[in-house]
Every structure is written in C-alpha cells, then in structure tokens.
Amino acid sequence: MMDHGARFRTRQRRRRTVKLAIGLFLAAWVGSVAFSAVNEGAVPPVSEFGTIPAPSTAGEISQFCGSGGCWWEMDVEIESPQTARSLVADLGLASERCEPMNLWTLRKTCTGRAEDDGGLSIYLRYDFLLSKY
C-alpha cells in the first residue's frame, strides 16, 4: 500500500505529464497555423476537384498565383447536350462553395467557377482565416 507522500508524488508527476502534453500540442497547433498563414503558395490537392458529369470531361489543370495566394484552375470540355449553365447546376457551383474550416490549419478549401464565351473553368483554392483582417 502506498503512503500519502507516494500518492502525492504520483499525482504531481501525472499533472506535469498532462501539462507537458497540452503544451506540446498547443505549440504544434500554433506552429501549424502560423505556417499555413505564411505559406500563400499552398494549394489543395487536385483530387478535390471531384468528377465532371459525363459526357463532359475535365480538361487542362493549371496553377495560378496572385496577391491572394495560389489556386488550381481546371478547364472543362463541355459536350452536348450539356451547357455551361447546366454543368454549373449539376456541380452545385451556382456560387463559390467552401468546405468546413480545418481547425488544425485554420483554412478551408473553396471551389468556384468562371464562365466565358460558353466555356467553363473551375477553380480550387484555400481560404485562410488569418488572411481576413
């Protein structure tokens, strides 16, 4: 049977270990958020574009960068009977849509579209919480 002093030391060690674990976790989280905030060149994986409904197909995917960061842009090759408008409706891109925020990096993945002369381009980018002041 443990005496009172041994139990006290065990509790103290346990508390120190928990405090250390919490401190390490918070340091890693702050580092992750800070890196995400300064890494404006980061782009989501291309696989997040999803699939294009047949008979239209995904075309060329290019990366662009500007003052707000970098993004992917995919040209969509529209085939009859689809139109740019019907394809936008099928993909649910009437307006930009964003996934829920990733709490580890404080950023979310957003998808949107640009139409020009009957053509369609879809973009994929990160939106950083910390970039909105």
Protein backbone atom coordinates (compact mmCIF):
# COMPACT_ATOMS: atom_id res chain seq x y z
CA MET A 1 0.00 0.00 0.00
CA MET A 2 1.30 3.49 -0.94
CA ASP A 3 1.74 6.09 1.69
CA HIS A 4 0.37 9.61 1.39
CA GLY A 5 3.67 11.08 0.11
CA ALA A 6 4.00 8.49 -2.68
CA ARG A 7 0.43 9.17 -3.87
CA PHE A 8 1.12 12.91 -3.83
CA ARG A 9 4.30 12.48 -5.94
CA THR A 10 2.44 10.22 -8.40
CA ARG A 11 -0.31 12.85 -8.82
CA GLN A 12 2.30 15.57 -9.29
CA ARG A 13 4.09 13.54 -11.99
CA ARG A 14 0.78 12.87 -13.73
CA ARG A 15 -0.13 16.58 -13.67
CA ARG A 16 3.29 17.56 -15.06
CA THR A 17 2.93 14.98 -17.83
CA VAL A 18 -0.54 16.25 -18.76
CA LYS A 19 0.64 19.88 -18.72
CA LEU A 20 3.63 18.97 -20.90
CA ALA A 21 1.40 17.10 -23.37
CA ILE A 22 -1.04 20.03 -23.57
CA GLY A 23 1.86 22.47 -24.02
CA LEU A 24 3.38 20.40 -26.83
CA PHE A 25 0.01 20.10 -28.56
CA LEU A 26 -0.60 23.87 -28.34
CA ALA A 27 2.90 24.62 -29.63
CA ALA A 28 2.36 22.27 -32.60
CA TRP A 29 -1.04 23.85 -33.34
CA VAL A 30 0.32 27.42 -33.22
CA GLY A 31 3.18 26.34 -35.50
CA SER A 32 0.76 24.73 -37.95
CA VAL A 33 -1.48 27.81 -38.04
CA ALA A 34 1.50 30.15 -38.44
CA PHE A 35 2.96 28.05 -41.27
CA SER A 36 -0.43 27.95 -43.03
CA ALA A 37 -0.76 31.73 -42.74
CA VAL A 38 2.63 32.47 -44.31
CA ASN A 39 2.51 29.69 -46.92
CA GLU A 40 0.47 31.55 -49.55
CA GLY A 41 1.70 29.18 -52.26
CA ALA A 42 -0.19 26.22 -50.79
CA VAL A 43 -2.94 24.74 -52.94
CA PRO A 44 -5.39 21.94 -52.19
CA PRO A 45 -4.80 18.54 -53.81
CA VAL A 46 -6.11 18.35 -57.39
CA SER A 47 -8.22 15.34 -56.37
CA GLU A 48 -10.55 17.77 -54.55
CA PHE A 49 -11.96 18.90 -57.91
CA GLY A 50 -14.13 15.81 -57.93
CA THR A 51 -15.56 14.29 -61.11
CA ILE A 52 -17.16 16.05 -64.05
CA PRO A 53 -20.52 14.56 -65.08
CA ALA A 54 -20.44 12.73 -68.44
CA PRO A 55 -20.41 13.40 -71.34
CA SER A 56 -18.32 16.49 -70.46
CA THR A 57 -14.75 15.91 -69.34
CA ALA A 58 -12.04 17.57 -67.29
CA GLY A 59 -9.51 19.41 -69.41
CA GLU A 60 -6.19 21.01 -68.61
CA ILE A 61 -5.42 21.88 -64.99
CA SER A 62 -3.13 24.85 -64.40
CA GLN A 63 -1.80 26.58 -61.30
CA PHE A 64 -2.02 30.36 -60.98
CA CYS A 65 -0.72 32.70 -58.29
CA GLY A 66 -1.66 36.24 -57.39
CA SER A 67 -1.56 38.59 -54.45
CA GLY A 68 -4.11 36.48 -52.57
CA GLY A 69 -2.23 33.20 -52.92
CA CYS A 70 -2.27 30.36 -55.44
CA TRP A 71 -5.07 28.26 -56.87
CA TRP A 72 -5.76 25.49 -59.38
CA GLU A 73 -7.90 26.15 -62.41
CA MET A 74 -9.40 23.35 -64.48
CA ASP A 75 -10.84 23.89 -67.97
CA VAL A 76 -13.95 21.81 -68.55
CA GLU A 77 -14.62 20.45 -72.03
CA ILE A 78 -18.38 20.73 -72.37
CA GLU A 79 -20.09 18.19 -74.60
CA SER A 80 -23.63 18.30 -75.93
CA PRO A 81 -26.35 18.07 -74.57
CA GLN A 82 -24.75 19.82 -71.57
CA THR A 83 -24.18 23.55 -71.42
CA ALA A 84 -22.02 25.60 -69.10
CA ARG A 85 -25.13 26.59 -67.17
CA SER A 86 -26.43 23.01 -66.79
CA LEU A 87 -23.00 21.78 -65.79
CA VAL A 88 -22.69 24.52 -63.15
CA ALA A 89 -26.06 23.42 -61.76
CA ASP A 90 -25.01 19.72 -61.79
CA LEU A 91 -21.79 20.55 -59.93
CA GLY A 92 -23.54 22.80 -57.40
CA LEU A 93 -21.36 25.78 -58.28
CA ALA A 94 -24.01 28.49 -58.65
CA SER A 95 -21.83 30.35 -56.13
CA GLU A 96 -18.49 29.62 -54.55
CA ARG A 97 -18.72 26.82 -52.02
CA CYS A 98 -16.29 26.18 -49.20
CA GLU A 99 -15.73 23.12 -47.05
CA PRO A 100 -15.82 23.48 -43.26
CA MET A 101 -12.70 25.03 -41.77
CA ASN A 102 -9.82 22.73 -40.86
CA LEU A 103 -9.16 23.52 -37.20
CA TRP A 104 -5.54 22.36 -37.41
CA THR A 105 -4.61 24.93 -40.12
CA LEU A 106 -7.50 27.44 -39.83
CA ARG A 107 -8.13 27.30 -43.57
CA LYS A 108 -10.87 25.91 -45.75
CA THR A 109 -10.98 24.61 -49.31
CA CYS A 110 -13.15 26.63 -51.71
CA THR A 111 -14.38 25.76 -55.19
CA GLY A 112 -15.92 28.15 -57.69
CA ARG A 113 -16.33 28.75 -61.40
CA ALA A 114 -15.69 31.22 -64.17
CA GLU A 115 -17.65 31.20 -67.42
CA ASP A 116 -16.54 32.87 -70.64
CA ASP A 117 -17.87 32.54 -74.20
CA GLY A 118 -19.72 29.32 -73.39
CA GLY A 119 -16.64 27.78 -71.76
CA LEU A 120 -16.27 26.83 -68.13
CA SER A 121 -13.32 26.88 -65.74
CA ILE A 122 -13.45 25.63 -62.17
CA TYR A 123 -11.01 26.88 -59.55
CA LEU A 124 -9.87 25.30 -56.31
CA ARG A 125 -8.12 27.30 -53.59
CA TYR A 126 -7.52 27.63 -49.89
CA ASP A 127 -9.18 30.41 -47.95
CA PHE A 128 -7.19 31.38 -44.85
CA LEU A 129 -8.97 32.64 -41.77
CA LEU A 130 -5.94 34.68 -40.75
CA SER A 131 -5.74 36.49 -44.11
CA LYS A 132 -9.06 38.25 -43.43
CA TYR A 133 -8.29 41.18 -41.19
